[in-house]
């Protein structure tokens, strides 16, 4: 069985809404279906805004956690 590849990190720390989401959208457009992205954001709004967008856009929310004040949201490109 093949291990999952490391997620592509979108480091948006220090950027405020909608910056982290815009960075994710830009990355998703450039990568193939199945790619997992991990957005790092210091903006609390990202933990809510990104999952809402993911649901509307038809992708998969993999993980949404806060570690040491950094919100880490993992998204899998589904289409």
N, C-alpha and C. Protein backbone atom coordinates (compact mmCIF):
# COMPACT_ATOMS: atom_id res chain seq x y z
N UNK A 1 0.84 -1.19 0.00
CA UNK A 1 0.00 0.00 0.00
C UNK A 1 0.88 1.24 0.00
N UNK A 2 0.50 2.18 -0.82
CA UNK A 2 1.30 3.39 -0.99
C UNK A 2 0.95 4.43 0.09
N UNK A 3 1.97 5.05 0.64
CA UNK A 3 1.75 6.10 1.65
C UNK A 3 1.19 7.35 0.97
N UNK A 4 0.35 8.06 1.71
CA UNK A 4 -0.17 9.33 1.18
C UNK A 4 0.99 10.30 1.01
N UNK A 5 1.03 11.03 -0.09
CA UNK A 5 2.10 12.03 -0.25
C UNK A 5 1.91 13.17 0.76
N UNK A 6 3.00 13.83 1.07
CA UNK A 6 2.92 14.99 1.97
C UNK A 6 2.03 16.05 1.32
N UNK A 7 1.22 16.73 2.15
CA UNK A 7 0.39 17.79 1.56
C UNK A 7 1.24 18.96 1.07
N UNK A 8 0.73 19.66 0.08
CA UNK A 8 1.39 20.88 -0.41
C UNK A 8 1.01 22.00 0.56
N UNK A 9 2.01 22.60 1.17
CA UNK A 9 1.75 23.64 2.17
C UNK A 9 1.54 24.99 1.50
N UNK A 10 0.45 25.64 1.90
CA UNK A 10 0.17 27.02 1.49
C UNK A 10 0.38 27.86 2.74
N UNK A 11 1.54 28.50 2.84
CA UNK A 11 1.88 29.26 4.04
C UNK A 11 1.33 30.67 3.93
N UNK A 12 0.17 30.88 4.55
CA UNK A 12 -0.50 32.18 4.48
C UNK A 12 -0.48 32.87 5.85
N UNK A 13 0.48 32.51 6.70
CA UNK A 13 0.59 33.16 8.01
C UNK A 13 0.86 34.64 7.81
N UNK A 14 0.17 35.47 8.59
CA UNK A 14 0.35 36.92 8.47
C UNK A 14 -0.58 37.54 7.43
N UNK A 15 -1.26 36.71 6.67
CA UNK A 15 -2.23 37.19 5.68
C UNK A 15 -3.61 37.13 6.29
N UNK A 16 -4.46 38.07 5.94
CA UNK A 16 -5.81 38.09 6.51
C UNK A 16 -6.84 37.83 5.44
N UNK A 17 -7.99 37.38 5.89
CA UNK A 17 -9.11 37.03 5.04
C UNK A 17 -9.33 38.11 3.98
N UNK A 18 -9.54 37.78 2.73
CA UNK A 18 -9.61 36.42 2.18
C UNK A 18 -8.29 35.89 1.65
N UNK A 19 -7.17 36.46 2.06
CA UNK A 19 -5.86 36.06 1.54
C UNK A 19 -5.56 34.57 1.57
N UNK A 20 -5.69 33.91 2.75
CA UNK A 20 -5.39 32.47 2.78
C UNK A 20 -6.26 31.66 1.83
N UNK A 21 -7.53 31.99 1.73
CA UNK A 21 -8.42 31.28 0.81
C UNK A 21 -8.01 31.53 -0.64
N UNK A 22 -7.66 32.75 -0.96
CA UNK A 22 -7.23 33.07 -2.33
C UNK A 22 -5.96 32.29 -2.70
N UNK A 23 -5.05 32.17 -1.74
CA UNK A 23 -3.82 31.40 -1.98
C UNK A 23 -4.15 29.92 -2.25
N UNK A 24 -5.10 29.38 -1.48
CA UNK A 24 -5.52 27.99 -1.67
C UNK A 24 -6.13 27.81 -3.06
N UNK A 25 -7.03 28.71 -3.43
CA UNK A 25 -7.69 28.61 -4.74
C UNK A 25 -6.66 28.65 -5.86
N UNK A 26 -5.68 29.53 -5.74
CA UNK A 26 -4.62 29.63 -6.75
C UNK A 26 -3.86 28.31 -6.85
N UNK A 27 -3.55 27.70 -5.71
CA UNK A 27 -2.83 26.42 -5.70
C UNK A 27 -3.66 25.29 -6.29
N UNK A 28 -4.94 25.24 -5.93
CA UNK A 28 -5.82 24.17 -6.41
C UNK A 28 -5.93 24.21 -7.93
N UNK A 29 -5.95 25.39 -8.51
CA UNK A 29 -6.05 25.50 -9.97
C UNK A 29 -4.84 24.94 -10.69
N UNK A 30 -3.69 24.88 -10.00
CA UNK A 30 -2.44 24.48 -10.65
C UNK A 30 -2.08 23.01 -10.46
N UNK A 31 -2.81 22.30 -9.59
CA UNK A 31 -2.43 20.93 -9.27
C UNK A 31 -3.51 19.94 -9.70
N UNK A 32 -3.11 18.66 -9.88
CA UNK A 32 -4.07 17.65 -10.33
C UNK A 32 -5.05 17.23 -9.23
N UNK A 33 -6.15 16.62 -9.65
CA UNK A 33 -7.14 16.06 -8.73
C UNK A 33 -6.43 15.06 -7.82
N UNK A 34 -6.80 15.06 -6.55
CA UNK A 34 -6.19 14.15 -5.58
C UNK A 34 -5.11 14.81 -4.75
N UNK A 35 -4.63 15.99 -5.18
CA UNK A 35 -3.61 16.71 -4.42
C UNK A 35 -4.21 17.18 -3.10
N UNK A 36 -3.44 17.03 -2.03
CA UNK A 36 -3.86 17.52 -0.71
C UNK A 36 -3.05 18.77 -0.40
N UNK A 37 -3.76 19.80 0.02
CA UNK A 37 -3.14 21.08 0.40
C UNK A 37 -3.31 21.27 1.90
N UNK A 38 -2.34 21.92 2.54
CA UNK A 38 -2.48 22.30 3.94
C UNK A 38 -2.23 23.79 4.03
N UNK A 39 -3.28 24.53 4.36
CA UNK A 39 -3.17 25.98 4.49
C UNK A 39 -2.77 26.29 5.93
N UNK A 40 -1.71 27.08 6.10
CA UNK A 40 -1.30 27.57 7.41
C UNK A 40 -1.73 29.02 7.49
N UNK A 41 -2.55 29.34 8.48
CA UNK A 41 -3.05 30.70 8.60
C UNK A 41 -3.05 31.15 10.05
N UNK A 42 -2.68 32.41 10.25
CA UNK A 42 -2.74 32.98 11.60
C UNK A 42 -4.08 33.71 11.79
N UNK A 43 -4.93 33.70 10.77
CA UNK A 43 -6.23 34.37 10.82
C UNK A 43 -7.31 33.36 11.20
N UNK A 44 -7.93 33.56 12.37
CA UNK A 44 -8.97 32.65 12.88
C UNK A 44 -10.10 32.45 11.85
N UNK A 45 -10.41 33.47 11.08
CA UNK A 45 -11.49 33.37 10.09
C UNK A 45 -11.27 32.26 9.06
N UNK A 46 -10.00 31.93 8.81
CA UNK A 46 -9.70 30.89 7.83
C UNK A 46 -10.26 29.54 8.24
N UNK A 47 -10.29 29.27 9.55
CA UNK A 47 -10.77 27.97 10.04
C UNK A 47 -12.26 27.79 9.74
N UNK A 48 -12.95 28.90 9.47
CA UNK A 48 -14.37 28.84 9.13
C UNK A 48 -14.58 29.04 7.63
N UNK A 49 -13.89 30.02 7.06
CA UNK A 49 -14.11 30.39 5.66
C UNK A 49 -13.65 29.30 4.69
N UNK A 50 -12.49 28.72 4.94
CA UNK A 50 -11.96 27.71 4.01
C UNK A 50 -12.87 26.48 3.96
N UNK A 51 -13.27 25.90 5.12
CA UNK A 51 -14.20 24.75 5.04
C UNK A 51 -15.51 25.07 4.33
N UNK A 52 -16.05 26.29 4.52
CA UNK A 52 -17.29 26.66 3.83
C UNK A 52 -17.07 26.68 2.32
N UNK A 53 -15.94 27.23 1.88
CA UNK A 53 -15.65 27.28 0.44
C UNK A 53 -15.44 25.86 -0.11
N UNK A 54 -14.71 25.02 0.66
CA UNK A 54 -14.42 23.65 0.23
C UNK A 54 -15.72 22.90 -0.06
N UNK A 55 -16.70 23.06 0.84
CA UNK A 55 -17.99 22.39 0.68
C UNK A 55 -18.70 22.88 -0.58
N UNK A 56 -18.73 24.18 -0.78
CA UNK A 56 -19.39 24.76 -1.97
C UNK A 56 -18.68 24.35 -3.26
N UNK A 57 -17.34 24.27 -3.20
CA UNK A 57 -16.56 24.00 -4.41
C UNK A 57 -16.48 22.51 -4.74
N UNK A 58 -16.93 21.65 -3.81
CA UNK A 58 -16.95 20.22 -4.09
C UNK A 58 -15.65 19.49 -3.81
N UNK A 59 -14.81 20.06 -2.96
CA UNK A 59 -13.57 19.39 -2.57
C UNK A 59 -13.80 18.72 -1.21
N UNK A 60 -12.76 18.11 -0.65
CA UNK A 60 -12.91 17.38 0.61
C UNK A 60 -12.08 18.03 1.71
N UNK A 61 -12.72 18.31 2.84
CA UNK A 61 -12.00 18.82 4.01
C UNK A 61 -11.39 17.63 4.72
N UNK A 62 -10.06 17.60 4.83
CA UNK A 62 -9.36 16.47 5.43
C UNK A 62 -9.14 16.72 6.92
N UNK A 63 -8.72 17.94 7.27
CA UNK A 63 -8.36 18.24 8.65
C UNK A 63 -8.49 19.74 8.87
N UNK A 64 -8.89 20.12 10.09
CA UNK A 64 -9.01 21.54 10.43
C UNK A 64 -8.64 21.65 11.91
N UNK A 65 -7.39 22.01 12.18
CA UNK A 65 -6.90 22.06 13.56
C UNK A 65 -6.17 23.38 13.83
N UNK A 66 -6.03 23.68 15.11
CA UNK A 66 -5.22 24.84 15.52
C UNK A 66 -4.04 24.30 16.30
N UNK A 67 -2.84 24.72 15.93
CA UNK A 67 -1.62 24.32 16.63
C UNK A 67 -0.82 25.57 16.91
N UNK A 68 -0.67 25.90 18.20
CA UNK A 68 0.12 27.06 18.62
C UNK A 68 -0.30 28.35 17.92
N UNK A 69 -1.60 28.56 17.82
CA UNK A 69 -2.10 29.80 17.22
C UNK A 69 -2.11 29.82 15.71
N UNK A 70 -1.70 28.72 15.09
CA UNK A 70 -1.72 28.63 13.62
C UNK A 70 -2.83 27.65 13.25
N UNK A 71 -3.71 28.09 12.38
CA UNK A 71 -4.80 27.24 11.91
C UNK A 71 -4.30 26.46 10.70
N UNK A 72 -4.43 25.14 10.77
CA UNK A 72 -3.97 24.28 9.68
C UNK A 72 -5.18 23.56 9.10
N UNK A 73 -5.49 23.91 7.85
CA UNK A 73 -6.68 23.36 7.20
C UNK A 73 -6.20 22.55 6.00
N UNK A 74 -6.50 21.23 6.00
CA UNK A 74 -6.13 20.37 4.88
C UNK A 74 -7.32 20.15 3.97
N UNK A 75 -7.05 20.28 2.68
CA UNK A 75 -8.11 20.16 1.65
C UNK A 75 -7.59 19.23 0.56
N UNK A 76 -8.46 18.30 0.13
CA UNK A 76 -8.12 17.42 -0.99
C UNK A 76 -8.90 17.86 -2.21
N UNK A 77 -8.18 18.10 -3.30
CA UNK A 77 -8.82 18.50 -4.57
C UNK A 77 -9.57 17.30 -5.13
N UNK A 78 -10.87 17.46 -5.34
CA UNK A 78 -11.70 16.34 -5.78
C UNK A 78 -12.15 16.44 -7.24
N UNK A 79 -11.98 17.58 -7.87
CA UNK A 79 -12.43 17.68 -9.27
C UNK A 79 -11.63 18.72 -10.02
